[in-house]
Each structure stands twice: as structure tokens, then as C-alpha cells.
Amino acid sequence: MKITIIGTGYVGLVTGACFSEVGHNVICVDCDAQKIELLQGGGIPIYEPGLEELVARNVASGRLSFTASTAEGVEKSDVIFIAVPTPPLDDGAVDLSFIEFVAREIAACMTSYKVIVDKSTVPVKTGEKVEETIKRYCKADCEFDVVSNPEFLREGFAVDDLMNPDRVVIGSTSDRANEAMQKIYQPFNAPIVFTDINSAELIKHAANSFLAMKISYINAVAAICEASGANVEEVANGIGMDDRIGRRFLNASLGFGGSCFPKDLSAFIRISDDLGYDFGLLKEVQKINASQMDRFVKKITDTLWVLKGKTIGVLGLAFKQNTDDVRMSPAIDLCNRLIKEGAFLRVYDPKAMDKAKMVLPDGDVLFVDDMNEVSIGCDALVVATEWPEFKQLDLVKSKEVMTVPIIFDGRNLLDPALVEKLGFTYISIGR
């Protein structure tokens, strides 16, 4: 298939690379000329395990290319994916201006039948607006179909998620469009859910909101475990063995963050409000997630008393492991709260240092190149992101160089018995 993907962020670039890997000819388009120049030169703008090698291999094969020209992409492809940002607005709604702009660009370039696929996460009924916009601005008398094909990629595992999807959702009432989409996904050997556009759009928001609910639920249970002396990991294991529930997304932590869950949860609440339904359950999920960080900061302040003038080491800045993404990162939120209380921070992340430097204030943070150097002179050490390598932290050395041997584990990553045996005061979540 000849495919164009407009937008080369996490979703667009991973999708383009994986589509080309299975044999499709893919053109990735982006309005950011510097990003396109970087990609054309063999660079990559994001960190995602396995992606750099995938891009290089398929560029070399001639199946993957990059351009800043939407017209070129529309002219040379039969199926056009829209994978541009849909950032949140202050009121919880979604900014759809990028979607609308791209729809107008496509309309202005179309001269023959195209399948236009919305890959971005959008509110229900957006597909109707995209179709309306293209009809309004299309200069040529040509047919087209609009399809909703939501993505279910986890940052840090996106390549594997796309190459081995548990399902593919296709929203369309056109047999012609469905046939084209089936050809695209045939090499992936995954079950395909064919439905209408509105249902496909709702599936994405409903799925992410449900997963966010699981995280908030186990964090609420963690508070009960702390009050009762129970262990949240044992509780999570016990309930997770029920195949109706499952163990995934039942890890107590600082709370969920990133560019998807908070945005999609707010959007689904706003969508529900606009449709006349008060989704109080999801509002409580938001409330629990916000209070989780408050509870963790209180653990730190209750233990250290005054944070002003204290030095605190922070391990992890990305919102989760295996990514350099710091958007709405709980670790960054934690850093800002500690800085606001007057603490000085020594921080480290395996991949997100450069991006974190763009959002953390100068003068209050020292970026350290080695995780085993973070704890030097610290009054406490905080694990803020669940990078597996943090389990290999040299705790003996850390204890020697810290002013006070205290560890706050916001991801329940370390072994409590081992850490306490070495002489640390160890404080985690729900255990």
C-alpha cells in the first residue's frame, strides 16, 4: 500500500516505521522543517526502544521517506493518516486546530479518491467534522472516505505494540475504505474490530480512562494498606490473579502522567458533560491521582521537616521508563514541588535529561551524569521513575556519601528488606 502519515511525533513516526517494516511504502510528513531535516539525515527526534534501527533499516530499503510537503504526500499515496497533536485546553476540552488545519491541507491537494484516517486521539464526532471540512475545502470533484483508527501505543513499548497489536479498531461505514484498511493491517495478523466512526473514537477514550481508573484504584487501596499495615503489592497480586481483573496497571505509584492518560481522562469527562452525562466516577479518578502526589510530598516533608536548604537526589525525570518524554511527568511535578519548598536537587535520568533541562528551573537543579553520583551530599534520595537500572543502584556507596540515609521510593522499585538492612530509612507507597 502507498501510505502517507501526517505528523511525525511518537504515534506518527512509530506507525510509519512499522508500516514500512511489513512492506508498505510510507511517506512521513511534518510541518517542522528541522525535524524533517534531522530524519532525512539519519537522526531521530525521540527515544523509543527499537525505533532508531527500524527507521534506518526502512529508509535504506526505500520504503520510508520524509518530507515537509503535504501536497507531495497526498499526491503519492492512496491512504493518508492524520497523526498530529491534539493538546488539552484549560477547560478539559481538546485543541482540534491541528486536525482541522491538516484536513484543509488535504482537501486543497486532493485530485482523486483517498482514504483519510484519523489516528490522533480525538473526541467523538470529530470524524464527522473532518468529513465536513474536506467537503467544504476540496477544490476537485473527487470521492473520499474518512476512517477512525485509534492508536493504542504505550510509550516505551510502542514498536512492539504496533508490530504485535492485541486488536486493531477501524471505524468506517465504507466497504471501500474497510478493504484498504484491512490490506494495511493484514501483515500484522491481529484481530480487527470493524465499527462505526463514533464508536471507534469512543473506544480510545473509554479504554484509557478505564486504565487510569485502575491506577487510581490501586493508589487508593495503597492508602488503606498504609493505614492498616497491609502490603499493597500483596493485595495487588491477590486481586490481579482474578482473570476478570488482571494484574497490569495495579502498581501503586506517584500516579499516572504523560501525554495520554491525563489528557484523555479530562477529554472524556468533558465529552460526557457536553453530551449531558456527569461522569462523576472519572472525576474521582482525577481527584485520587492529584491527591497521590500530595500524599507523597507529605511523606517527604513529614520526614525531613523543613525542605528549605535541603539537598534531595531524584532518580528519574521521564513520566515512565523507556522514554525520554517529560510531558506531564509526575517526576517533574515532584521536582517542581520540592524546588518550591526551597530544596536543591541533584537529578538523573537515563534518557530524559535534555528534555528535562528545558522544563526545570536553572540554578535549583544539578543534572548528574551517573546515577551512583546523585546521592552525594543528599539529605534524601527519591525514586521517581521506574527505570529498571535503578534496581542496580550502589546502595552501599550511596549510604556512605549521603548526609542522611533516607530513601523515598515513589515506584516501589527497591526491595524494602534489603534497603533497610543496609541502614536506610526506607519509605515507599502502600507497604
Protein backbone atom coordinates (compact mmCIF):
# COMPACT_ATOMS: atom_id res chain seq x y z
CA MET A 1 0.00 0.00 0.00
CA LYS A 2 1.03 3.59 -0.59
CA ILE A 3 0.60 5.43 2.68
CA THR A 4 1.22 8.97 3.93
CA ILE A 5 1.34 9.82 7.62
CA ILE A 6 1.00 13.50 8.53
CA GLY A 7 2.72 14.18 11.85
CA THR A 8 5.98 12.55 12.95
CA GLY A 9 5.62 12.52 16.73
CA TYR A 10 5.51 9.35 18.81
CA VAL A 11 2.44 7.97 17.04
CA GLY A 12 3.21 9.08 13.50
CA LEU A 13 6.87 8.08 13.40
CA VAL A 14 6.36 4.69 15.05
CA THR A 15 3.37 3.96 12.81
CA GLY A 16 5.27 4.94 9.67
CA ALA A 17 8.32 2.87 10.59
CA CYS A 18 6.26 -0.22 11.43
CA PHE A 19 4.07 0.05 8.32
CA SER A 20 7.20 0.22 6.16
CA GLU A 21 8.73 -2.70 8.06
CA VAL A 22 5.91 -5.01 6.86
CA GLY A 23 6.29 -3.90 3.24
CA HIS A 24 4.19 -0.78 2.72
CA ASN A 25 5.59 2.35 1.05
CA VAL A 26 5.33 5.18 3.57
CA ILE A 27 5.86 8.93 3.37
CA CYS A 28 6.02 10.74 6.72
CA VAL A 29 5.10 14.44 6.58
CA ASP A 30 5.74 17.11 9.18
CA CYS A 31 5.49 20.90 9.10
CA ASP A 32 8.63 21.15 11.27
CA ALA A 33 11.37 21.51 8.67
CA GLN A 34 14.12 20.96 11.26
CA LYS A 35 12.59 17.64 12.32
CA ILE A 36 12.34 16.51 8.70
CA GLU A 37 15.94 17.53 8.07
CA LEU A 38 17.01 15.56 11.15
CA LEU A 39 15.14 12.46 9.97
CA GLN A 40 16.45 12.76 6.43
CA GLY A 41 19.96 12.96 7.86
CA GLY A 42 19.58 9.73 9.81
CA GLY A 43 18.71 11.29 13.17
CA ILE A 44 15.65 10.68 15.29
CA PRO A 45 13.77 13.27 17.42
CA ILE A 46 12.51 10.93 20.17
CA TYR A 47 13.77 7.98 22.15
CA GLU A 48 11.77 4.81 21.75
CA PRO A 49 13.37 1.36 22.10
CA GLY A 50 13.99 -0.23 18.70
CA LEU A 51 12.72 2.75 16.70
CA GLU A 52 16.04 4.18 15.51
CA GLU A 53 17.09 0.86 14.00
CA LEU A 54 13.66 0.37 12.42
CA VAL A 55 13.73 3.80 10.78
CA ALA A 56 17.28 3.38 9.48
CA ARG A 57 16.54 -0.05 8.00
CA ASN A 58 13.43 1.06 6.15
CA VAL A 59 14.90 4.32 4.91
CA ALA A 60 17.76 2.26 3.46
CA SER A 61 15.27 -0.08 1.79
CA GLY A 62 13.49 2.85 0.14
CA ARG A 63 10.13 2.09 1.76
CA LEU A 64 10.24 5.01 4.23
CA SER A 65 10.85 8.67 3.39
CA PHE A 66 10.29 12.09 4.94
CA THR A 67 9.05 15.40 3.56
CA ALA A 68 7.68 18.74 4.73
CA SER A 69 5.24 18.84 1.79
CA THR A 70 1.68 17.73 2.48
CA ALA A 71 0.94 18.06 -1.24
CA GLU A 72 3.65 15.52 -2.06
CA GLY A 73 2.31 13.09 0.50
CA VAL A 74 -1.29 13.39 -0.70
CA GLU A 75 -0.35 13.07 -4.36
CA LYS A 76 1.76 9.93 -3.94
CA SER A 77 -0.47 7.96 -1.54
CA ASP A 78 -3.84 6.24 -1.50
CA VAL A 79 -4.30 6.26 2.26
CA ILE A 80 -3.49 9.30 4.41
CA PHE A 81 -3.16 9.04 8.18
CA ILE A 82 -3.58 12.13 10.37
CA ALA A 83 -1.32 11.78 13.43
CA VAL A 84 -0.94 15.37 14.63
CA PRO A 85 -1.11 16.57 18.26
CA THR A 86 -4.46 17.13 20.00
CA PRO A 87 -3.28 19.03 23.11
CA PRO A 88 -5.56 19.68 26.08
CA LEU A 89 -7.20 23.03 26.71
CA ASP A 90 -7.60 24.60 30.15
CA ASP A 91 -11.26 23.54 30.39
CA GLY A 92 -10.50 19.86 29.70
CA ALA A 93 -11.53 20.03 26.07
CA VAL A 94 -9.16 19.16 23.23
CA ASP A 95 -7.50 21.57 20.81
CA LEU A 96 -8.52 20.29 17.38
CA SER A 97 -6.97 23.12 15.39
CA PHE A 98 -4.14 20.90 14.09
CA ILE A 99 -6.67 18.31 12.88
CA GLU A 100 -8.73 20.99 11.15
CA PHE A 101 -5.66 22.55 9.53
CA VAL A 102 -4.45 19.22 8.15
CA ALA A 103 -7.94 18.36 6.89
CA ARG A 104 -7.98 21.63 4.96
CA GLU A 105 -4.50 20.97 3.58
CA ILE A 106 -5.51 17.51 2.39
CA ALA A 107 -8.68 18.90 0.81
CA ALA A 108 -6.71 21.51 -1.12
CA CYS A 109 -4.37 18.84 -2.56
CA MET A 110 -6.80 16.03 -3.40
CA THR A 111 -7.40 15.18 -7.04
CA SER A 112 -8.51 11.53 -6.73
CA TYR A 113 -10.11 9.12 -4.26
CA LYS A 114 -8.35 8.95 -0.88
CA VAL A 115 -8.93 7.18 2.40
CA ILE A 116 -8.31 9.69 5.18
CA VAL A 117 -7.60 8.06 8.52
CA ASP A 118 -7.74 9.84 11.85
CA LYS A 119 -5.00 8.25 14.00
CA SER A 120 -4.88 11.06 16.57
CA THR A 121 -6.91 10.71 19.76
CA VAL A 122 -9.98 12.88 19.21
CA PRO A 123 -13.40 13.45 20.81
CA VAL A 124 -16.36 11.53 19.45
CA LYS A 125 -17.91 13.13 16.34
CA THR A 126 -14.55 14.55 15.18
CA GLY A 127 -14.68 12.29 12.13
CA GLU A 128 -17.91 13.97 11.10
CA LYS A 129 -16.20 17.37 11.31
CA VAL A 130 -13.19 16.15 9.31
CA GLU A 131 -15.50 14.89 6.56
CA GLU A 132 -17.42 18.15 6.57
CA THR A 133 -14.21 20.20 6.39
CA ILE A 134 -12.78 18.22 3.47
CA LYS A 135 -16.05 18.53 1.54
CA ARG A 136 -16.03 22.26 2.16
CA TYR A 137 -12.46 22.93 1.06
CA CYS A 138 -11.85 20.28 -1.61
CA LYS A 139 -11.27 22.00 -4.95
CA ALA A 140 -11.57 18.89 -7.10
CA ASP A 141 -14.64 16.78 -7.69
CA CYS A 142 -13.33 13.56 -6.12
CA GLU A 143 -14.60 10.99 -3.68
CA PHE A 144 -13.03 10.19 -0.30
CA ASP A 145 -13.75 8.27 2.89
CA VAL A 146 -12.93 9.21 6.48
CA VAL A 147 -11.89 6.45 8.88
CA SER A 148 -11.18 6.41 12.62
CA ASN A 149 -8.24 4.15 13.54
CA PRO A 150 -7.26 4.99 17.14
CA GLU A 151 -3.79 4.09 18.37
CA PHE A 152 -3.12 2.03 21.48
CA LEU A 153 0.63 2.53 21.76
CA ARG A 154 2.44 2.65 25.09
CA GLU A 155 5.45 4.93 25.09
CA GLY A 156 8.50 2.82 25.80
CA PHE A 157 6.84 -0.21 24.18
CA ALA A 158 5.35 1.42 21.09
CA VAL A 159 7.20 -0.59 18.43
CA ASP A 160 6.20 -3.91 19.95
CA ASP A 161 2.63 -2.69 20.50
CA LEU A 162 2.25 -1.79 16.83
CA MET A 163 4.03 -4.85 15.45
CA ASN A 164 2.05 -7.16 17.77
CA PRO A 165 -1.28 -5.44 18.47
CA ASP A 166 -3.88 -7.12 20.64
CA ARG A 167 -6.56 -5.57 18.40
CA VAL A 168 -6.99 -3.06 15.60
CA VAL A 169 -10.03 -0.77 15.70
CA ILE A 170 -11.36 0.56 12.39
CA GLY A 171 -14.30 2.93 12.36
CA SER A 172 -15.94 3.29 8.95
CA THR A 173 -19.18 2.54 7.12
CA SER A 174 -17.46 2.33 3.72
CA ASP A 175 -16.67 -1.11 2.29
CA ARG A 176 -14.07 0.50 0.02
CA ALA A 177 -12.27 2.12 2.96
CA ASN A 178 -12.53 -1.01 5.10
CA GLU A 179 -10.94 -3.07 2.33
CA ALA A 180 -7.99 -0.65 2.14
CA MET A 181 -7.54 -0.67 5.91
CA GLN A 182 -7.68 -4.46 6.03
CA LYS A 183 -4.88 -4.64 3.44
CA ILE A 184 -2.76 -2.31 5.55
CA TYR A 185 -3.16 -4.37 8.73
CA GLN A 186 -3.19 -7.83 7.15
CA PRO A 187 0.58 -8.39 7.74
CA PHE A 188 0.15 -7.79 11.48
CA ASN A 189 -2.09 -10.83 11.99
CA ALA A 190 -4.23 -9.15 14.66
CA PRO A 191 -7.99 -9.25 15.28
CA ILE A 192 -9.73 -6.31 13.62
CA VAL A 193 -12.75 -4.63 15.17
CA PHE A 194 -14.87 -3.05 12.43
CA THR A 195 -17.30 -0.49 13.78
CA ASP A 196 -18.72 2.96 13.05
CA ILE A 197 -16.58 6.10 13.37
CA ASN A 198 -18.22 7.42 16.54
CA SER A 199 -17.81 4.09 18.35
CA ALA A 200 -14.15 3.84 17.30
CA GLU A 201 -13.46 7.32 18.66
CA LEU A 202 -15.15 6.45 21.96
CA ILE A 203 -13.23 3.18 22.30
CA LYS A 204 -9.93 5.05 22.70
CA HIS A 205 -11.14 7.46 25.37
CA ALA A 206 -13.06 4.75 27.21
CA ALA A 207 -10.04 2.40 27.22
CA ASN A 208 -7.54 4.96 28.51
CA SER A 209 -9.97 6.23 31.14
CA PHE A 210 -10.54 2.67 32.36
CA LEU A 211 -6.78 2.08 32.70
CA ALA A 212 -6.40 5.39 34.55
CA MET A 213 -9.19 4.22 36.85
CA LYS A 214 -7.26 1.01 37.66
CA ILE A 215 -4.20 3.06 38.62
CA SER A 216 -6.17 5.42 40.85
CA TYR A 217 -7.99 2.47 42.40
CA ILE A 218 -4.79 0.72 43.48
CA ASN A 219 -3.36 4.02 44.75
CA ALA A 220 -6.48 4.47 46.88
CA VAL A 221 -6.05 0.90 48.13
CA ALA A 222 -2.41 1.75 48.93
CA ALA A 223 -3.63 4.44 51.32
CA ILE A 224 -5.76 1.83 53.10
CA CYS A 225 -2.78 -0.52 53.22
CA GLU A 226 -0.65 2.13 54.90
CA ALA A 227 -3.38 2.82 57.45
CA SER A 228 -3.85 -0.86 58.22
CA GLY A 229 -0.31 -2.21 57.95
CA ALA A 230 -1.08 -4.29 54.84
CA ASN A 231 1.17 -4.57 51.77
CA VAL A 232 -0.30 -3.13 48.57
CA GLU A 233 1.83 -5.39 46.37
CA GLU A 234 0.45 -8.50 48.04
CA VAL A 235 -3.07 -7.10 47.71
CA ALA A 236 -2.49 -6.26 44.01
CA ASN A 237 -1.14 -9.74 43.35
CA GLY A 238 -4.14 -11.32 45.05
CA ILE A 239 -6.76 -9.36 43.15
CA GLY A 240 -4.77 -9.38 39.90
CA MET A 241 -4.85 -13.18 39.73
CA ASP A 242 -8.58 -12.89 39.03
CA ASP A 243 -8.68 -13.06 35.23
CA ARG A 244 -11.65 -10.68 35.26
CA ILE A 245 -9.34 -8.02 36.70
CA GLY A 246 -5.73 -8.77 35.68
CA ARG A 247 -2.51 -7.63 37.32
CA ARG A 248 -1.49 -4.95 34.82
CA PHE A 249 -1.96 -1.28 35.84
CA LEU A 250 -2.24 -2.28 39.50
CA ASN A 251 1.11 -0.85 40.60
CA ALA A 252 0.93 1.76 43.36
CA SER A 253 2.99 4.83 42.49
CA LEU A 254 3.15 8.61 42.34
CA GLY A 255 0.18 8.47 39.98
CA PHE A 256 -0.27 8.44 36.24
CA GLY A 257 1.11 11.12 33.94
CA GLY A 258 2.36 11.55 30.39
CA SER A 259 0.67 12.97 27.35
CA CYS A 260 -2.21 10.44 27.15
CA PHE A 261 -3.94 9.43 30.37
CA PRO A 262 -4.41 12.89 31.97
CA LYS A 263 -5.46 14.44 28.66
CA ASP A 264 -7.76 11.61 27.60
CA LEU A 265 -9.38 11.41 31.03
CA SER A 266 -10.11 15.15 31.03
CA ALA A 267 -11.38 14.96 27.47
CA PHE A 268 -13.73 12.06 28.22
CA ILE A 269 -15.15 13.92 31.21
CA ARG A 270 -15.69 17.00 29.04
CA ILE A 271 -17.20 14.91 26.20
CA SER A 272 -19.60 13.34 28.70
CA ASP A 273 -20.54 16.73 30.14
CA ASP A 274 -21.24 18.07 26.64
CA LEU A 275 -23.45 15.04 25.94
CA GLY A 276 -25.39 15.63 29.16
CA TYR A 277 -23.86 12.98 31.43
CA ASP A 278 -21.99 13.78 34.64
CA PHE A 279 -19.21 11.15 34.70
CA GLY A 280 -18.56 11.50 38.42
CA LEU A 281 -16.58 8.27 38.58
CA LEU A 282 -13.89 9.65 36.29
CA LYS A 283 -13.81 12.93 38.19
CA GLU A 284 -12.97 10.94 41.31
CA VAL A 285 -10.20 9.17 39.36
CA GLN A 286 -8.70 12.59 38.63
CA LYS A 287 -9.05 13.62 42.27
CA ILE A 288 -7.30 10.48 43.55
CA ASN A 289 -4.47 10.92 41.06
CA ALA A 290 -3.89 14.52 42.13
CA SER A 291 -4.01 13.63 45.82
CA GLN A 292 -1.46 10.83 45.35
CA MET A 293 1.32 13.33 44.71
CA ASP A 294 0.14 15.40 47.68
CA ARG A 295 0.40 12.31 49.87
CA PHE A 296 3.91 11.51 48.65
CA VAL A 297 5.19 15.04 49.17
CA LYS A 298 3.71 14.93 52.67
CA LYS A 299 5.75 11.77 53.36
CA ILE A 300 8.88 13.74 52.45
CA THR A 301 8.01 16.84 54.46
CA ASP A 302 6.88 14.81 57.49
CA THR A 303 10.23 13.01 57.49
CA LEU A 304 12.61 15.86 56.62
CA TRP A 305 10.52 18.54 58.36
CA VAL A 306 11.92 21.66 56.67
CA LEU A 307 12.85 21.27 52.99
CA LYS A 308 14.39 24.69 52.60
CA GLY A 309 18.16 24.30 52.30
CA LYS A 310 17.96 20.52 52.00
CA THR A 311 19.61 18.64 49.11
CA ILE A 312 17.47 15.90 47.59
CA GLY A 313 18.52 13.42 44.92
CA VAL A 314 15.92 12.44 42.32
CA LEU A 315 16.25 9.30 40.21
CA GLY A 316 14.06 9.57 37.12
CA LEU A 317 12.59 12.51 35.21
CA ALA A 318 10.64 10.88 32.36
CA PHE A 319 6.99 10.13 33.08
CA LYS A 320 7.72 6.41 32.78
CA GLN A 321 10.54 4.01 31.90
CA ASN A 322 11.87 3.51 28.35
CA THR A 323 11.05 7.01 27.13
CA ASP A 324 12.54 10.49 27.14
CA ASP A 325 9.09 12.10 27.37
CA VAL A 326 8.66 14.51 30.29
CA ARG A 327 5.25 15.86 29.32
CA MET A 328 3.03 15.88 32.43
CA SER A 329 5.62 13.74 34.17
CA PRO A 330 4.93 13.03 37.86
CA ALA A 331 8.71 13.16 38.39
CA ILE A 332 8.89 16.70 37.01
CA ASP A 333 5.86 17.71 39.08
CA LEU A 334 7.61 16.33 42.17
CA CYS A 335 10.81 18.22 41.35
CA ASN A 336 8.93 21.48 40.97
CA ARG A 337 7.15 20.98 44.29
CA LEU A 338 10.41 20.27 46.10
CA ILE A 339 12.06 23.30 44.50
CA LYS A 340 9.11 25.47 45.53
CA GLU A 341 9.71 24.37 49.14
CA GLY A 342 13.32 25.55 48.89
CA ALA A 343 15.13 22.27 48.23
CA PHE A 344 18.14 21.93 45.93
CA LEU A 345 18.00 18.91 43.63
CA ARG A 346 20.56 16.53 42.17
CA VAL A 347 18.83 14.61 39.37
CA TYR A 348 19.47 11.83 36.87
CA ASP A 349 17.54 10.06 34.12
CA PRO A 350 18.94 7.59 31.55
CA LYS A 351 17.21 9.26 28.58
CA ALA A 352 15.24 12.37 29.57
CA MET A 353 17.97 14.75 30.82
CA ASP A 354 17.99 17.05 27.79
CA LYS A 355 14.22 17.44 27.71
CA ALA A 356 14.08 17.91 31.48
CA LYS A 357 16.61 20.76 31.23
CA MET A 358 14.05 22.62 29.14
CA VAL A 359 11.35 22.50 31.84
CA LEU A 360 13.16 22.59 35.19
CA PRO A 361 14.34 25.96 36.54
CA ASP A 362 18.02 26.92 36.22
CA GLY A 363 20.01 27.25 39.43
CA ASP A 364 17.89 24.91 41.55
CA VAL A 365 18.87 21.66 39.85
CA LEU A 366 22.17 19.90 39.16
CA PHE A 367 21.98 17.31 36.37
CA VAL A 368 24.29 14.41 37.24
CA ASP A 369 25.66 12.04 34.57
CA ASP A 370 25.84 8.91 36.74
CA MET A 371 23.02 7.52 38.88
CA ASN A 372 25.53 6.49 41.54
CA GLU A 373 26.68 10.12 41.89
CA VAL A 374 23.20 11.54 42.52
CA SER A 375 23.20 10.79 46.25
CA ILE A 376 26.39 12.73 47.09
CA GLY A 377 25.64 15.16 49.94
CA CYS A 378 21.90 14.43 49.87
CA ASP A 379 19.54 14.56 52.81
CA ALA A 380 17.29 12.09 50.98
CA LEU A 381 17.05 10.14 47.75
CA VAL A 382 13.81 9.80 45.74
CA VAL A 383 12.99 7.15 43.13
CA ALA A 384 10.57 8.96 40.80
CA THR A 385 10.58 6.85 37.62
CA GLU A 386 10.57 3.05 37.36
CA TRP A 387 13.73 2.63 35.26
CA PRO A 388 14.90 -1.00 35.79
CA GLU A 389 18.55 0.09 36.12
CA PHE A 390 17.73 1.91 39.34
CA LYS A 391 17.43 -1.52 40.95
CA GLN A 392 21.19 -1.80 40.40
CA LEU A 393 21.94 1.38 42.35
CA ASP A 394 25.06 1.01 44.50
CA LEU A 395 23.29 1.39 47.84
CA VAL A 396 26.43 0.84 49.90
CA LYS A 397 28.17 3.75 48.17
CA SER A 398 25.01 5.87 48.37
CA LYS A 399 24.81 5.42 52.13
CA GLU A 400 28.46 6.44 52.50
CA VAL A 401 28.10 9.69 50.55
CA MET A 402 24.65 10.82 51.76
CA THR A 403 24.28 13.31 54.59
CA VAL A 404 21.32 11.29 55.87
CA PRO A 405 20.47 7.78 54.55
CA ILE A 406 16.80 8.19 53.64
CA ILE A 407 15.11 6.81 50.51
CA PHE A 408 11.61 7.68 49.33
CA ASP A 409 10.55 5.13 46.72
CA GLY A 410 7.73 6.57 44.61
CA ARG A 411 7.62 3.47 42.39
CA ASN A 412 8.05 0.65 44.92
CA LEU A 413 11.06 -0.36 42.84
CA LEU A 414 13.54 -1.35 45.56
CA ASP A 415 13.48 -4.29 47.96
CA PRO A 416 12.45 -2.91 51.37
CA ALA A 417 14.19 -5.64 53.38
CA LEU A 418 17.50 -5.13 51.54
CA VAL A 419 17.42 -1.34 51.76
CA GLU A 420 16.57 -1.33 55.47
CA LYS A 421 19.20 -3.98 56.20
CA LEU A 422 21.82 -1.60 54.77
CA GLY A 423 20.77 1.03 57.30
CA PHE A 424 18.46 3.27 55.29
CA THR A 425 15.21 4.77 56.41
CA TYR A 426 13.02 3.48 53.58
CA ILE A 427 9.59 4.89 52.75
CA SER A 428 7.52 3.59 49.84
CA ILE A 429 3.86 3.53 48.86
CA GLY A 430 1.32 1.23 50.48
CA ARG A 431 3.83 -1.14 52.09
